[in-house]
C-alpha atoms as a PDB file:
ATOM      1  CA  MET A   1      -2.477  22.446   2.808  1.00  0.00           C
ATOM      2  CA  LYS A   2      -3.511  19.373   0.837  1.00  0.00           C
ATOM      3  CA  ILE A   3      -2.598  15.708   0.419  1.00  0.00           C
ATOM      4  CA  GLY A   4      -0.887  14.799  -2.851  1.00  0.00           C
ATOM      5  CA  ILE A   5      -0.869  11.320  -4.373  1.00  0.00           C
ATOM      6  CA  PHE A   6       0.766  10.057  -7.543  1.00  0.00           C
ATOM      7  CA  ASP A   7       1.263   6.846  -9.474  1.00  0.00           C
ATOM      8  CA  SER A   8       2.134   5.719 -12.999  1.00  0.00           C
ATOM      9  CA  GLY A   9      -1.477   5.960 -14.110  1.00  0.00           C
ATOM     10  CA  LYS A  10      -4.757   4.918 -12.521  1.00  0.00           C
ATOM     11  CA  GLY A  11      -3.448   2.234 -10.148  1.00  0.00           C
ATOM     12  CA  GLY A  12      -2.890   4.725  -7.333  1.00  0.00           C
ATOM     13  CA  LEU A  13      -6.600   5.501  -7.316  1.00  0.00           C
ATOM     14  CA  THR A  14      -6.993   2.258  -5.349  1.00  0.00           C
ATOM     15  CA  VAL A  15      -4.790   3.802  -2.642  1.00  0.00           C
ATOM     16  CA  LEU A  16      -6.595   7.149  -2.836  1.00  0.00           C
ATOM     17  CA  ASN A  17      -9.915   5.379  -2.250  1.00  0.00           C
ATOM     18  CA  GLU A  18      -8.574   3.724   0.923  1.00  0.00           C
ATOM     19  CA  ILE A  19      -7.240   7.053   2.218  1.00  0.00           C
ATOM     20  CA  LYS A  20     -10.556   8.790   1.535  1.00  0.00           C
ATOM     21  CA  LYS A  21     -12.430   6.074   3.437  1.00  0.00           C
ATOM     22  CA  LEU A  22     -10.323   6.802   6.511  1.00  0.00           C
ATOM     23  CA  LEU A  23      -9.991  10.573   5.979  1.00  0.00           C
ATOM     24  CA  PRO A  24     -13.132  11.594   4.065  1.00  0.00           C
ATOM     25  CA  ASP A  25     -13.020  15.335   4.717  1.00  0.00           C
ATOM     26  CA  TYR A  26      -9.640  16.315   3.300  1.00  0.00           C
ATOM     27  CA  GLU A  27      -8.627  17.903   0.010  1.00  0.00           C
ATOM     28  CA  TYR A  28      -6.599  15.767  -2.396  1.00  0.00           C
ATOM     29  CA  ILE A  29      -4.610  16.184  -5.606  1.00  0.00           C
ATOM     30  CA  TYR A  30      -4.029  13.020  -7.615  1.00  0.00           C
ATOM     31  CA  VAL A  31      -1.546  12.746 -10.479  1.00  0.00           C
ATOM     32  CA  GLY A  32      -1.795   9.723 -12.752  1.00  0.00           C
ATOM     33  CA  ASP A  33       1.382   9.610 -14.805  1.00  0.00           C
ATOM     34  CA  SER A  34       0.042   7.579 -17.729  1.00  0.00           C
ATOM     35  CA  LYS A  35       2.556   9.225 -20.056  1.00  0.00           C
ATOM     36  CA  ASN A  36       5.418   7.406 -18.337  1.00  0.00           C
ATOM     37  CA  ASN A  37       3.639   4.133 -17.548  1.00  0.00           C
ATOM     38  CA  PRO A  38       4.945   1.614 -16.634  1.00  0.00           C
ATOM     39  CA  TYR A  39       7.426   2.737 -13.990  1.00  0.00           C
ATOM     40  CA  GLY A  40       8.724  -0.804 -13.592  1.00  0.00           C
ATOM     41  CA  GLU A  41      10.534  -0.574 -16.931  1.00  0.00           C
ATOM     42  CA  LYS A  42      12.253   2.778 -16.290  1.00  0.00           C
ATOM     43  CA  SER A  43      15.838   3.234 -15.107  1.00  0.00           C
ATOM     44  CA  GLU A  44      16.391   4.669 -11.637  1.00  0.00           C
ATOM     45  CA  GLU A  45      17.700   7.924 -13.142  1.00  0.00           C
ATOM     46  CA  GLU A  46      14.588   8.303 -15.318  1.00  0.00           C
ATOM     47  CA  LEU A  47      12.298   7.573 -12.390  1.00  0.00           C
ATOM     48  CA  ILE A  48      13.985  10.093 -10.121  1.00  0.00           C
ATOM     49  CA  GLU A  49      13.654  12.779 -12.788  1.00  0.00           C
ATOM     50  CA  ILE A  50       9.971  11.947 -13.340  1.00  0.00           C
ATOM     51  CA  THR A  51       9.032  11.732  -9.662  1.00  0.00           C
ATOM     52  CA  THR A  52      10.948  14.912  -8.870  1.00  0.00           C
ATOM     53  CA  LYS A  53       8.886  16.853 -11.432  1.00  0.00           C
ATOM     54  CA  ILE A  54       5.626  15.446 -10.095  1.00  0.00           C
ATOM     55  CA  SER A  55       6.649  16.205  -6.511  1.00  0.00           C
ATOM     56  CA  LYS A  56       7.473  19.807  -7.449  1.00  0.00           C
ATOM     57  CA  PHE A  57       4.039  20.161  -9.057  1.00  0.00           C
ATOM     58  CA  LEU A  58       2.293  18.842  -5.930  1.00  0.00           C
ATOM     59  CA  ILE A  59       4.394  20.971  -3.572  1.00  0.00           C
ATOM     60  CA  CYS A  60       3.656  24.068  -5.661  1.00  0.00           C
ATOM     61  CA  ASN A  61      -0.019  23.230  -5.177  1.00  0.00           C
ATOM     62  CA  ASN A  62       0.320  23.279  -1.376  1.00  0.00           C
ATOM     63  CA  CYS A  63       0.660  19.549  -0.721  1.00  0.00           C
ATOM     64  CA  LYS A  64       2.385  19.017   2.607  1.00  0.00           C
ATOM     65  CA  ILE A  65       2.019  15.228   2.433  1.00  0.00           C
ATOM     66  CA  ILE A  66       2.819  13.299  -0.748  1.00  0.00           C
ATOM     67  CA  VAL A  67       1.855   9.639  -1.075  1.00  0.00           C
ATOM     68  CA  ILE A  68       3.915   7.671  -3.582  1.00  0.00           C
ATOM     69  CA  ALA A  69       1.167   5.238  -4.576  1.00  0.00           C
ATOM     70  CA  CYS A  70       3.568   3.012  -6.480  1.00  0.00           C
ATOM     71  CA  ASN A  71       5.714   0.225  -5.073  1.00  0.00           C
ATOM     72  CA  THR A  72       8.410   0.649  -7.730  1.00  0.00           C
ATOM     73  CA  ALA A  73       8.748   4.410  -7.252  1.00  0.00           C
ATOM     74  CA  THR A  74       8.759   3.968  -3.477  1.00  0.00           C
ATOM     75  CA  THR A  75      11.563   1.427  -3.434  1.00  0.00           C
ATOM     76  CA  ARG A  76      13.691   3.322  -5.954  1.00  0.00           C
ATOM     77  CA  CYS A  77      12.958   7.022  -5.390  1.00  0.00           C
ATOM     78  CA  MET A  78      11.584   7.820  -1.930  1.00  0.00           C
ATOM     79  CA  LYS A  79      14.946   8.256  -0.163  1.00  0.00           C
ATOM     80  CA  THR A  80      16.081  10.686  -2.862  1.00  0.00           C
ATOM     81  CA  LEU A  81      12.808  12.639  -2.799  1.00  0.00           C
ATOM     82  CA  ARG A  82      12.997  13.002   0.981  1.00  0.00           C
ATOM     83  CA  LYS A  83      16.488  14.473   0.640  1.00  0.00           C
ATOM     84  CA  LYS A  84      15.435  16.825  -2.165  1.00  0.00           C
ATOM     85  CA  PHE A  85      12.307  18.046  -0.366  1.00  0.00           C
ATOM     86  CA  PRO A  86      13.037  17.837   3.377  1.00  0.00           C
ATOM     87  CA  ASP A  87      10.029  19.975   4.346  1.00  0.00           C
ATOM     88  CA  THR A  88       7.572  17.580   2.710  1.00  0.00           C
ATOM     89  CA  ILE A  89       6.305  14.348   4.263  1.00  0.00           C
ATOM     90  CA  PHE A  90       6.622  11.449   1.828  1.00  0.00           C
ATOM     91  CA  ILE A  91       4.688   8.244   2.465  1.00  0.00           C
ATOM     92  CA  GLY A  92       5.511   5.229   0.354  1.00  0.00           C
ATOM     93  CA  THR A  93       3.776   2.061  -0.695  1.00  0.00           C
ATOM     94  CA  VAL A  94       5.457  -1.287  -0.116  1.00  0.00           C
ATOM     95  CA  PRO A  95       4.134  -4.824  -0.535  1.00  0.00           C
ATOM     96  CA  ALA A  96       2.171  -5.949   2.537  1.00  0.00           C
ATOM     97  CA  ILE A  97       4.465  -8.912   3.220  1.00  0.00           C
ATOM     98  CA  LYS A  98       4.553  -8.100   6.936  1.00  0.00           C
ATOM     99  CA  VAL A  99       0.755  -8.218   7.144  1.00  0.00           C
ATOM    100  CA  ALA A 100       0.665 -11.614   5.439  1.00  0.00           C
ATOM    101  CA  CYS A 101       3.391 -13.026   7.690  1.00  0.00           C
ATOM    102  CA  ASP A 102       1.841 -11.598  10.870  1.00  0.00           C
ATOM    103  CA  ASN A 103      -1.445 -13.283   9.945  1.00  0.00           C
ATOM    104  CA  ASN A 104       0.407 -16.616   9.847  1.00  0.00           C
ATOM    105  CA  TYR A 105      -0.303 -17.527   6.248  1.00  0.00           C
ATOM    106  CA  LYS A 106       1.851 -20.489   5.270  1.00  0.00           C
ATOM    107  CA  ASN A 107       2.237 -20.176   1.494  1.00  0.00           C
ATOM    108  CA  ILE A 108       2.422 -16.534   0.432  1.00  0.00           C
ATOM    109  CA  LEU A 109       2.697 -15.383  -3.182  1.00  0.00           C
ATOM    110  CA  LEU A 110       3.868 -11.846  -3.951  1.00  0.00           C
ATOM    111  CA  LEU A 111       2.866 -10.465  -7.353  1.00  0.00           C
ATOM    112  CA  ALA A 112       4.692  -7.308  -8.425  1.00  0.00           C
ATOM    113  CA  THR A 113       6.613  -5.604 -11.211  1.00  0.00           C
ATOM    114  CA  THR A 114      10.071  -6.895 -12.074  1.00  0.00           C
ATOM    115  CA  ALA A 115      11.679  -3.809 -10.518  1.00  0.00           C
ATOM    116  CA  THR A 116       9.837  -4.311  -7.228  1.00  0.00           C
ATOM    117  CA  ILE A 117      10.566  -8.037  -7.082  1.00  0.00           C
ATOM    118  CA  ASN A 118      14.284  -7.352  -7.627  1.00  0.00           C
ATOM    119  CA  SER A 119      14.446  -4.475  -5.154  1.00  0.00           C
ATOM    120  CA  LYS A 120      16.473  -4.551  -1.960  1.00  0.00           C
ATOM    121  CA  ARG A 121      13.371  -3.456  -0.036  1.00  0.00           C
ATOM    122  CA  VAL A 122      11.463  -6.632  -0.925  1.00  0.00           C
ATOM    123  CA  GLU A 123      14.518  -8.692   0.023  1.00  0.00           C
ATOM    124  CA  GLU A 124      14.523  -6.933   3.411  1.00  0.00           C
ATOM    125  CA  LEU A 125      10.777  -7.415   3.913  1.00  0.00           C
ATOM    126  CA  VAL A 126      11.064 -11.149   3.308  1.00  0.00           C
ATOM    127  CA  LYS A 127      14.117 -11.492   5.536  1.00  0.00           C
ATOM    128  CA  ASP A 128      12.622  -9.444   8.383  1.00  0.00           C
ATOM    129  CA  ASN A 129       9.123 -10.949   8.426  1.00  0.00           C
ATOM    130  CA  LYS A 130       9.230 -14.549   7.240  1.00  0.00           C
ATOM    131  CA  LYS A 131       8.548 -16.985  10.078  1.00  0.00           C
ATOM    132  CA  GLU A 132       9.496 -20.609  10.504  1.00  0.00           C
ATOM    133  CA  GLY A 133       7.297 -22.819   8.359  1.00  0.00           C
ATOM    134  CA  GLN A 134       6.301 -20.043   5.977  1.00  0.00           C
ATOM    135  CA  GLU A 135       7.062 -20.003   2.255  1.00  0.00           C
ATOM    136  CA  ILE A 136       7.127 -16.734   0.325  1.00  0.00           C
ATOM    137  CA  TYR A 137       7.103 -16.985  -3.466  1.00  0.00           C
ATOM    138  CA  LEU A 138       8.081 -13.935  -5.522  1.00  0.00           C
ATOM    139  CA  LYS A 139       6.592 -13.566  -8.998  1.00  0.00           C
ATOM    140  CA  ALA A 140       7.437 -10.743 -11.400  1.00  0.00           C
ATOM    141  CA  CYS A 141       4.563  -9.840 -13.737  1.00  0.00           C
ATOM    142  CA  PRO A 142       5.922  -7.912 -16.746  1.00  0.00           C
ATOM    143  CA  ASN A 143       3.349  -5.964 -18.774  1.00  0.00           C
ATOM    144  CA  LEU A 144       0.497  -6.629 -16.338  1.00  0.00           C
ATOM    145  CA  ALA A 145       0.343  -3.062 -14.987  1.00  0.00           C
ATOM    146  CA  SER A 146       0.436  -1.550 -18.481  1.00  0.00           C
ATOM    147  CA  SER A 147      -2.295  -3.945 -19.643  1.00  0.00           C
ATOM    148  CA  ILE A 148      -4.460  -2.912 -16.682  1.00  0.00           C
ATOM    149  CA  GLU A 149      -3.766   0.741 -17.483  1.00  0.00           C
ATOM    150  CA  ALA A 150      -4.919   0.123 -21.054  1.00  0.00           C
ATOM    151  CA  ASP A 151      -7.928  -1.903 -19.838  1.00  0.00           C
ATOM    152  CA  ASN A 152      -6.940  -4.716 -22.194  1.00  0.00           C
ATOM    153  CA  LYS A 153      -9.019  -7.486 -20.648  1.00  0.00           C
ATOM    154  CA  GLU A 154      -7.896 -10.208 -23.067  1.00  0.00           C
ATOM    155  CA  LYS A 155      -4.236  -9.455 -22.374  1.00  0.00           C
ATOM    156  CA  ILE A 156      -4.846  -9.215 -18.627  1.00  0.00           C
ATOM    157  CA  ASN A 157      -6.453 -12.654 -18.465  1.00  0.00           C
ATOM    158  CA  SER A 158      -3.754 -14.178 -20.648  1.00  0.00           C
ATOM    159  CA  LEU A 159      -0.957 -12.766 -18.485  1.00  0.00           C
ATOM    160  CA  LEU A 160      -2.616 -13.769 -15.207  1.00  0.00           C
ATOM    161  CA  ASN A 161      -3.099 -17.346 -16.362  1.00  0.00           C
ATOM    162  CA  GLU A 162       0.525 -17.471 -17.510  1.00  0.00           C
ATOM    163  CA  TYR A 163       1.946 -15.994 -14.290  1.00  0.00           C
ATOM    164  CA  LEU A 164      -0.217 -17.999 -11.885  1.00  0.00           C
ATOM    165  CA  LYS A 165      -0.215 -21.427 -13.543  1.00  0.00           C
ATOM    166  CA  ASP A 166       2.884 -22.663 -11.656  1.00  0.00           C
ATOM    167  CA  TYR A 167       1.358 -21.823  -8.250  1.00  0.00           C
ATOM    168  CA  LYS A 168      -1.949 -23.669  -8.493  1.00  0.00           C
ATOM    169  CA  GLY A 169      -0.506 -26.750  -6.786  1.00  0.00           C
ATOM    170  CA  LYS A 170       1.428 -24.969  -4.056  1.00  0.00           C
ATOM    171  CA  ASN A 171      -1.483 -24.504  -1.618  1.00  0.00           C
ATOM    172  CA  ILE A 172      -1.248 -20.721  -1.803  1.00  0.00           C
ATOM    173  CA  ASP A 173      -3.337 -19.301   1.045  1.00  0.00           C
ATOM    174  CA  CYS A 174      -2.457 -15.632   0.543  1.00  0.00           C
ATOM    175  CA  ILE A 175      -1.556 -13.444  -2.414  1.00  0.00           C
ATOM    176  CA  VAL A 176       0.075 -10.081  -1.736  1.00  0.00           C
ATOM    177  CA  LEU A 177      -0.516  -7.505  -4.463  1.00  0.00           C
ATOM    178  CA  GLY A 178       2.744  -5.590  -4.795  1.00  0.00           C
ATOM    179  CA  CYS A 179       1.553  -3.089  -7.399  1.00  0.00           C
ATOM    180  CA  THR A 180      -1.250  -0.557  -6.942  1.00  0.00           C
ATOM    181  CA  HIS A 181      -2.683  -1.450 -10.357  1.00  0.00           C
ATOM    182  CA  TYR A 182      -3.286  -5.059  -9.340  1.00  0.00           C
ATOM    183  CA  PRO A 183      -6.273  -4.529  -6.967  1.00  0.00           C
ATOM    184  CA  ILE A 184      -8.212  -3.463 -10.065  1.00  0.00           C
ATOM    185  CA  VAL A 185      -8.063  -7.108 -11.226  1.00  0.00           C
ATOM    186  CA  LYS A 186      -8.399  -8.726  -7.797  1.00  0.00           C
ATOM    187  CA  GLU A 187     -11.489 -10.649  -8.896  1.00  0.00           C
ATOM    188  CA  GLU A 188      -9.715 -12.065 -11.941  1.00  0.00           C
ATOM    189  CA  ILE A 189      -6.792 -13.187  -9.767  1.00  0.00           C
ATOM    190  CA  ASN A 190      -9.142 -14.803  -7.269  1.00  0.00           C
ATOM    191  CA  ASN A 191     -10.868 -16.732 -10.050  1.00  0.00           C
ATOM    192  CA  ILE A 192      -7.562 -18.444 -10.870  1.00  0.00           C
ATOM    193  CA  ILE A 193      -6.281 -19.000  -7.319  1.00  0.00           C
ATOM    194  CA  HIS A 194      -8.965 -18.727  -4.672  1.00  0.00           C
ATOM    195  CA  CYS A 195      -7.331 -17.452  -1.492  1.00  0.00           C
ATOM    196  CA  ASN A 196      -6.997 -14.382   0.692  1.00  0.00           C
ATOM    197  CA  ILE A 197      -5.698 -11.342  -1.208  1.00  0.00           C
ATOM    198  CA  ILE A 198      -3.929  -8.462   0.533  1.00  0.00           C
ATOM    199  CA  ASP A 199      -2.899  -5.076  -0.807  1.00  0.00           C
ATOM    200  CA  GLY A 200      -1.220  -2.213   1.023  1.00  0.00           C
ATOM    201  CA  GLY A 201      -3.861   0.494   0.557  1.00  0.00           C
ATOM    202  CA  TYR A 202      -5.321   0.430   4.063  1.00  0.00           C
ATOM    203  CA  GLY A 203      -1.867   0.459   5.642  1.00  0.00           C
ATOM    204  CA  VAL A 204      -0.942   3.546   3.635  1.00  0.00           C
ATOM    205  CA  ALA A 205      -4.154   5.263   4.735  1.00  0.00           C
ATOM    206  CA  LYS A 206      -3.363   4.570   8.395  1.00  0.00           C
ATOM    207  CA  GLU A 207       0.135   6.012   7.927  1.00  0.00           C
ATOM    208  CA  VAL A 208      -1.274   9.212   6.382  1.00  0.00           C
ATOM    209  CA  LYS A 209      -3.575   9.634   9.391  1.00  0.00           C
ATOM    210  CA  HIS A 210      -0.665   8.926  11.748  1.00  0.00           C
ATOM    211  CA  GLN A 211       1.577  11.532  10.080  1.00  0.00           C
ATOM    212  CA  ILE A 212      -1.150  14.197  10.214  1.00  0.00           C
ATOM    213  CA  GLU A 213      -1.543  13.611  13.952  1.00  0.00           C
ATOM    214  CA  LEU A 214       2.196  13.244  14.634  1.00  0.00           C
ATOM    215  CA  ASN A 215       3.064  16.513  12.907  1.00  0.00           C
ATOM    216  CA  ASN A 216      -0.034  18.433  14.084  1.00  0.00           C
ATOM    217  CA  LEU A 217      -0.837  19.338  10.505  1.00  0.00           C
ATOM    218  CA  ILE A 218      -3.721  21.614   9.679  1.00  0.00           C
ATOM    219  CA  LEU A 219      -4.942  20.512   6.272  1.00  0.00           C
ATOM    220  CA  ASN A 220      -7.769  21.788   4.104  1.00  0.00           C
ATOM    221  CA  LYS A 221     -11.088  20.146   4.843  1.00  0.00           C
ATOM    222  CA  SER A 222     -13.569  20.458   2.013  1.00  0.00           C
ATOM    223  CA  ASN A 223     -15.800  17.402   1.962  1.00  0.00           C
ATOM    224  CA  SER A 224     -13.248  15.165   0.217  1.00  0.00           C
ATOM    225  CA  LYS A 225     -12.601  17.447  -2.758  1.00  0.00           C
ATOM    226  CA  THR A 226     -10.247  15.740  -5.219  1.00  0.00           C
ATOM    227  CA  ALA A 227      -8.445  17.233  -8.220  1.00  0.00           C
ATOM    228  CA  VAL A 228      -7.321  14.544 -10.664  1.00  0.00           C
ATOM    229  CA  TYR A 229      -4.623  15.127 -13.282  1.00  0.00           C
ATOM    230  CA  ASN A 230      -3.265  12.839 -15.971  1.00  0.00           C
ATOM    231  CA  THR A 231       0.085  13.548 -17.621  1.00  0.00           C
ATOM    232  CA  LEU A 232      -1.212  12.404 -21.015  1.00  0.00           C
ATOM    233  CA  THR A 233      -3.758  15.193 -21.139  1.00  0.00           C
ATOM    234  CA  ASP A 234      -2.630  17.784 -18.564  1.00  0.00           C
ATOM    235  CA  ASN A 235       0.574  19.743 -19.073  1.00  0.00           C
ATOM    236  CA  ILE A 236       1.941  19.408 -15.543  1.00  0.00           C
ATOM    237  CA  ILE A 237       5.385  17.850 -16.057  1.00  0.00           C
END
């Protein structure tokens, strides 16, 4: 058995890298769904259809664990996927708001897609973890993930300056990256607002390790062999 990971393009590779650091000997299948990027602009019905097809592909290729390396797909699809495929372990990706709050940052800025920002899950994370004296600012970043996917550096810098300009005077001491594409431009973000930056990749990796141990799974070990597919070029969905 293998570990499957998917995202709306190359962003989920940031999560895959964290998992491989913690579990270097396992066999992985990664699906980058560039054809349907960005997920944040899809309806829930579209996303469920897309993620169901990808999950079927990974399950047919002997993936017992599937990591949804996308905050939007996690918040909108994971419950449905768990019901559709009850014999598969699904691990989601959510913004690391709890980590930021537990580390007692005072002025926390969450950057994410519009769909993630507006999700009930983010509302719950803020409600459950915000402490007295903490401020949590939520900022939707339309088109940022797709610009990162396209490696459009001029557009990326323009969008980041536009989205972050209103927070320069708010003493932001922590930025939470609520999209797996955003760690790719962590340096660019830090150049505009210099503070601690947190993403959820390491937390996801720890949960994968925990689920392997909890379920006594015997997975293929092959010196971190990884098969990478992209829906633009590979006919998999």
